[in-house]
Amino acid sequence: MQKSLFENDPAPQAVVTAAVPGSAHTLSREQKQFNKLIAQIEATRRELEVWREFIPQMRQTYLTQIEPALATLREKRLALVTLFDEVMSGKALNKTERRKLAEILCATLRELLSAGETPQLVQLYNKYSGVSFEEEQQENAEMLQAMASEAFGVNFSDDDLTGTPDEIAARIAAKVQAADEMREARRAGKAAKRAKAGKENPQNAKAAAREAQREQAAQGASKSVREVYRKLASELHPDREPDPVERERKTALMQKVNQAYDKGDLLALLELQLQIEQINPAALAGMARERIIHYNAVLTGQLQRLRDEMEELLAPFTMTMGVYSVREFSPQQVRASHDDDVRELQSGIRSLDKDLHDFKDIAKLKQNLKHYRLGDAVGGDFGEIDELLMESLDLMPRRSRRR
């Protein structure tokens, strides 16, 4: 059984927690918020560490298990296409059977062409399809262009909608985002004009006061972080230390201070202050209300950056697993999904092996075609386009289709 990546971890090194000591009855609202933010940042840090360790493992298993299976699946499909082409070149099938097998051939070829076009596959597709592959692609592009323009209120050119599905989705998303930014800029410009025209309006004055207050809070937060950094730098600067051993220790600590300051990591700076006993928990409890409000503003931004980093790190998993938030799954679920994919691919390979063996017997192929209904293998072009449009807005992640 795979060990949980969130359980039985080695005990972390002892670190003094930068939290205000006290109980729910003795702490102020700002102090409670400070402690909550500290706990959330520490938990998100630990989760990021777990994922950073886990992701290279999954990349390796993908390279050693999924990619070879996908390559084998493609080889089997190509072999099946070759077999069907040979059967169609003969006279063993009647008119209805030929129509059915041609439809199956085209559906299989579409799958193969979606993963990579070759002249041979395109030529074979054109041989059995009523519409050439190039014409079908053009029709799909025009349909996609009309649907995308209507859905997003943005005009797309032919160039925007050519290439692989992923490339098209990326261009749609970029163009929609650019259009949204332009609309937002126009709204902001109109709002600024209205504010200028109605400067004496009490509502506008209140909005301006709120904005000034936010700017003042941001400046105060930035100033608070700089003050913590200066205090640490003053005590830890290695150039002022005559003892070689102590100088080496301070050099290492100063590197951590600089890294934390560059990242805006207030929690790490406070932890370093506690580590070198520049401050103690009592000092945190005695912080002025204004100072802790500033700290809370910095910590809120820090927590959001960590969460954004988590979202970006796990974006490939949210897409392949069909979920909308990193909170909806864990490394165990990713591994289980990966195992399901491997089993699905192996099942597909076994099924193709059986088909390749059975369909060499014309009688068995004819028996299977007897139970096949025309239209069963035809992919829904509208469905694929709808899926692509949703993908471009990151609303509906796409899983790879398998036989």
Foldseek 3Di string as FASTA:
>chain_A
DDDALVPPDPDDDDFDQQAFDDDPVPDDPLSVLLRVLSVLLVVLVSQVVSLVVLVVVVVVCCVVFVVVLVVLLLVLLVLVLVVLVVVLVDDLDDPLLNLLSLLLSLLSLVLVVLVPDDPVSQVSNCVSDPDRPVVVLVVLLVVLQVVLCVVQVDHDDSVLRDDHLVSNLQSSLVRSVVVVVVVVVVVVVVVVVVCVVPVVDPVSVVVVVVVVVVVVLQVLLLVLLVVLLVVLCVVLVLVPDPDPVSSVVSVVLNVQSVVCVVLLNSSSSSSSCVVVVVDHSVVSNVDDPSSSSSVSVSSVVVSVVSLVVVCVSCVVVCQQVFHQGPVVDGSVVSVVVVVVSSVVSVVSSVVSVVCSVQVVPVVSSVVVSVPDDPPPSDDDSVVVSVQSSCVSVPNTRDHRDDD
